[in-house]
N, C-alpha and C. Protein backbone atom coordinates (compact mmCIF):
# COMPACT_ATOMS: atom_id res chain seq x y z
N MET A 1 84.84 -24.40 28.07
CA MET A 1 85.87 -23.93 28.96
C MET A 1 85.85 -22.40 28.93
N ARG A 2 85.89 -21.80 30.06
CA ARG A 2 85.99 -20.35 30.16
C ARG A 2 87.38 -19.99 30.63
N ILE A 3 87.94 -18.95 30.01
CA ILE A 3 89.22 -18.43 30.46
C ILE A 3 89.10 -16.93 30.62
N ALA A 4 89.95 -16.37 31.45
CA ALA A 4 89.89 -14.93 31.73
C ALA A 4 90.61 -14.14 30.65
N ILE A 5 90.10 -12.95 30.40
CA ILE A 5 90.80 -12.00 29.53
C ILE A 5 91.57 -11.08 30.47
N ARG A 6 92.88 -11.01 30.28
CA ARG A 6 93.75 -10.30 31.22
C ARG A 6 94.43 -9.13 30.56
N ARG A 7 94.81 -8.19 31.38
CA ARG A 7 95.58 -7.05 30.91
C ARG A 7 97.03 -7.50 30.73
N ILE A 8 97.57 -7.24 29.54
CA ILE A 8 98.97 -7.55 29.23
C ILE A 8 99.55 -6.28 28.63
N GLY A 9 100.25 -5.49 29.44
CA GLY A 9 100.76 -4.19 28.99
C GLY A 9 99.59 -3.29 28.65
N ASN A 10 99.61 -2.69 27.46
CA ASN A 10 98.52 -1.84 27.00
C ASN A 10 97.44 -2.63 26.27
N SER A 11 97.60 -3.95 26.19
CA SER A 11 96.65 -4.81 25.48
C SER A 11 95.93 -5.72 26.46
N ARG A 12 95.15 -6.59 25.92
CA ARG A 12 94.50 -7.64 26.71
C ARG A 12 94.76 -8.96 26.02
N GLY A 13 94.80 -10.01 26.80
CA GLY A 13 95.10 -11.30 26.21
C GLY A 13 94.48 -12.44 26.98
N MET A 14 94.59 -13.61 26.41
CA MET A 14 94.07 -14.83 27.02
C MET A 14 95.22 -15.82 27.13
N ILE A 15 95.26 -16.53 28.22
CA ILE A 15 96.23 -17.60 28.38
C ILE A 15 95.56 -18.87 27.87
N ILE A 16 96.13 -19.47 26.84
CA ILE A 16 95.54 -20.69 26.26
C ILE A 16 96.23 -21.88 26.93
N PRO A 17 95.46 -22.77 27.52
CA PRO A 17 96.05 -23.93 28.20
C PRO A 17 96.91 -24.77 27.25
N THR A 18 98.00 -25.28 27.79
CA THR A 18 98.96 -26.08 27.01
C THR A 18 98.31 -27.25 26.28
N PRO A 19 97.39 -28.00 26.89
CA PRO A 19 96.77 -29.13 26.16
C PRO A 19 96.04 -28.67 24.89
N LEU A 20 95.41 -27.50 24.93
CA LEU A 20 94.74 -27.00 23.73
C LEU A 20 95.75 -26.65 22.65
N LEU A 21 96.84 -26.01 23.05
CA LEU A 21 97.89 -25.67 22.08
C LEU A 21 98.47 -26.94 21.46
N ALA A 22 98.66 -27.95 22.27
CA ALA A 22 99.20 -29.22 21.77
C ALA A 22 98.25 -29.87 20.77
N GLN A 23 96.95 -29.82 21.03
CA GLN A 23 95.96 -30.41 20.12
C GLN A 23 96.00 -29.72 18.76
N LEU A 24 96.29 -28.42 18.76
CA LEU A 24 96.36 -27.66 17.51
C LEU A 24 97.74 -27.73 16.85
N GLY A 25 98.72 -28.25 17.57
CA GLY A 25 100.08 -28.31 17.04
C GLY A 25 100.76 -26.95 17.03
N LEU A 26 100.36 -26.08 17.96
CA LEU A 26 100.93 -24.73 18.02
C LEU A 26 102.09 -24.69 19.00
N GLU A 27 103.22 -24.13 18.55
CA GLU A 27 104.38 -24.04 19.43
C GLU A 27 104.87 -22.61 19.58
N THR A 28 105.09 -21.91 18.46
CA THR A 28 105.69 -20.58 18.55
C THR A 28 104.83 -19.47 17.95
N GLU A 29 103.92 -19.81 17.04
CA GLU A 29 103.06 -18.79 16.44
C GLU A 29 101.77 -19.41 15.95
N ALA A 30 100.78 -18.54 15.69
CA ALA A 30 99.48 -18.99 15.23
C ALA A 30 98.89 -17.96 14.29
N GLU A 31 97.95 -18.39 13.48
CA GLU A 31 97.16 -17.48 12.65
C GLU A 31 95.80 -17.33 13.30
N ILE A 32 95.34 -16.08 13.45
CA ILE A 32 94.03 -15.87 14.03
C ILE A 32 93.17 -15.06 13.06
N SER A 33 91.87 -15.30 13.13
CA SER A 33 90.92 -14.55 12.30
C SER A 33 89.57 -14.57 13.00
N ILE A 34 88.67 -13.76 12.51
CA ILE A 34 87.31 -13.74 13.03
C ILE A 34 86.38 -14.17 11.91
N VAL A 35 85.58 -15.19 12.18
CA VAL A 35 84.61 -15.70 11.21
C VAL A 35 83.25 -15.78 11.90
N ASP A 36 82.30 -15.05 11.38
CA ASP A 36 80.94 -15.04 11.94
C ASP A 36 80.95 -14.78 13.45
N GLY A 37 81.76 -13.85 13.88
CA GLY A 37 81.79 -13.48 15.29
C GLY A 37 82.58 -14.42 16.18
N ALA A 38 83.26 -15.40 15.62
CA ALA A 38 84.05 -16.35 16.40
C ALA A 38 85.53 -16.12 16.12
N LEU A 39 86.34 -16.19 17.16
CA LEU A 39 87.79 -16.09 17.02
C LEU A 39 88.31 -17.46 16.61
N ILE A 40 88.98 -17.53 15.48
CA ILE A 40 89.53 -18.79 14.96
C ILE A 40 91.05 -18.77 15.14
N VAL A 41 91.59 -19.81 15.75
CA VAL A 41 93.03 -19.94 15.96
C VAL A 41 93.49 -21.17 15.19
N ARG A 42 94.46 -20.99 14.31
CA ARG A 42 94.96 -22.10 13.48
C ARG A 42 96.48 -22.10 13.47
N ALA A 43 97.03 -23.26 13.15
CA ALA A 43 98.47 -23.34 12.91
C ALA A 43 98.76 -22.56 11.63
N PRO A 44 99.90 -21.88 11.57
CA PRO A 44 100.23 -21.13 10.35
C PRO A 44 100.32 -22.05 9.13
N ALA A 45 99.88 -21.54 8.00
CA ALA A 45 99.96 -22.31 6.76
C ALA A 45 101.43 -22.54 6.41
N LYS A 46 101.72 -23.73 5.94
CA LYS A 46 103.09 -24.04 5.52
C LYS A 46 103.33 -23.43 4.15
N PRO A 47 104.57 -23.02 3.89
CA PRO A 47 104.87 -22.48 2.56
C PRO A 47 104.52 -23.49 1.47
N THR A 48 104.21 -22.99 0.28
CA THR A 48 103.79 -23.83 -0.83
C THR A 48 104.79 -24.95 -1.11
N ARG A 49 106.06 -24.66 -1.04
CA ARG A 49 107.09 -25.66 -1.37
C ARG A 49 107.70 -26.26 -0.11
N TYR A 50 106.92 -26.34 0.95
CA TYR A 50 107.40 -26.89 2.21
C TYR A 50 107.86 -28.32 2.01
N GLY A 51 109.08 -28.63 2.43
CA GLY A 51 109.61 -29.99 2.36
C GLY A 51 110.31 -30.36 1.07
N TRP A 52 110.26 -29.47 0.07
CA TRP A 52 110.89 -29.80 -1.22
C TRP A 52 112.39 -29.96 -1.11
N ALA A 53 113.04 -29.14 -0.32
CA ALA A 53 114.50 -29.21 -0.20
C ALA A 53 114.92 -30.56 0.37
N GLU A 54 114.25 -30.99 1.43
CA GLU A 54 114.58 -32.28 2.04
C GLU A 54 114.29 -33.43 1.08
N ALA A 55 113.18 -33.35 0.35
CA ALA A 55 112.84 -34.41 -0.62
C ALA A 55 113.88 -34.48 -1.72
N SER A 56 114.37 -33.34 -2.18
CA SER A 56 115.39 -33.31 -3.23
C SER A 56 116.69 -33.94 -2.75
N LYS A 57 117.06 -33.67 -1.51
CA LYS A 57 118.28 -34.26 -0.95
C LYS A 57 118.17 -35.77 -0.88
N LYS A 58 116.98 -36.26 -0.48
CA LYS A 58 116.77 -37.71 -0.40
C LYS A 58 116.87 -38.36 -1.78
N LEU A 59 116.31 -37.70 -2.81
CA LEU A 59 116.41 -38.23 -4.17
C LEU A 59 117.86 -38.32 -4.62
N ALA A 60 118.64 -37.28 -4.31
CA ALA A 60 120.05 -37.27 -4.70
C ALA A 60 120.83 -38.38 -3.99
N LEU A 61 120.50 -38.62 -2.73
CA LEU A 61 121.21 -39.65 -1.96
C LEU A 61 121.01 -41.05 -2.55
N VAL A 62 119.83 -41.32 -3.09
CA VAL A 62 119.57 -42.64 -3.65
C VAL A 62 119.82 -42.69 -5.16
N GLY A 63 120.30 -41.57 -5.73
CA GLY A 63 120.64 -41.55 -7.15
C GLY A 63 119.45 -41.44 -8.08
N ASP A 64 118.34 -40.95 -7.58
CA ASP A 64 117.13 -40.86 -8.40
C ASP A 64 116.87 -39.41 -8.84
N ASP A 65 117.94 -38.68 -9.12
CA ASP A 65 117.80 -37.27 -9.48
C ASP A 65 118.28 -36.97 -10.91
N ALA A 66 118.20 -37.97 -11.78
CA ALA A 66 118.61 -37.78 -13.17
C ALA A 66 117.63 -36.86 -13.88
N LEU A 67 118.13 -36.16 -14.91
CA LEU A 67 117.28 -35.27 -15.69
C LEU A 67 116.22 -36.07 -16.45
N VAL A 68 115.02 -35.55 -16.51
CA VAL A 68 113.95 -36.19 -17.26
C VAL A 68 114.18 -35.94 -18.75
N MET A 69 114.58 -34.72 -19.08
CA MET A 69 114.93 -34.37 -20.46
C MET A 69 116.43 -34.12 -20.52
N PRO A 70 117.10 -34.58 -21.55
CA PRO A 70 118.54 -34.35 -21.63
C PRO A 70 118.84 -32.87 -21.86
N GLU A 71 120.06 -32.48 -21.53
CA GLU A 71 120.51 -31.12 -21.79
C GLU A 71 120.49 -30.88 -23.30
N PHE A 72 120.22 -29.68 -23.73
CA PHE A 72 120.27 -29.36 -25.15
C PHE A 72 120.91 -27.98 -25.28
N SER A 73 121.47 -27.75 -26.42
CA SER A 73 122.14 -26.46 -26.63
C SER A 73 121.57 -25.80 -27.87
N ASN A 74 122.00 -24.61 -28.11
CA ASN A 74 121.58 -23.86 -29.29
C ASN A 74 122.70 -23.81 -30.33
N ALA A 75 123.56 -24.82 -30.34
CA ALA A 75 124.71 -24.82 -31.24
C ALA A 75 124.29 -24.73 -32.70
N ASN A 76 123.19 -25.35 -33.08
CA ASN A 76 122.76 -25.36 -34.47
C ASN A 76 121.96 -24.11 -34.85
N ASP A 77 121.72 -23.23 -33.91
CA ASP A 77 120.95 -22.02 -34.20
C ASP A 77 121.67 -21.09 -35.18
N VAL A 78 122.98 -21.22 -35.31
CA VAL A 78 123.74 -20.38 -36.23
C VAL A 78 123.25 -20.56 -37.65
N GLU A 79 122.81 -21.78 -37.98
CA GLU A 79 122.35 -22.08 -39.32
C GLU A 79 120.95 -21.54 -39.63
N LEU A 80 120.22 -21.10 -38.62
CA LEU A 80 118.86 -20.62 -38.83
C LEU A 80 118.87 -19.22 -39.43
N THR A 81 117.93 -18.96 -40.30
CA THR A 81 117.76 -17.62 -40.86
C THR A 81 116.60 -16.98 -40.15
N TRP A 82 116.83 -15.81 -39.60
CA TRP A 82 115.79 -15.10 -38.86
C TRP A 82 115.18 -14.04 -39.69
């Protein structure tokens, strides 16, 4: 597929057809780079902890958010000699 490079203000740009954007899952932003002379367009990388907040809420709703290790205190540290 060939597309035109157009003047957009002081820059130049390409209009990417909607079906191509849909295939890539692009809606509002993209990551671009050049690899071996080719322009690469990708969906932005998701943050490392993407989805953790929602997953935690779901665990709490079903009651599966108990501590793995019990709480502990330093109450007996007074008896230690440093």
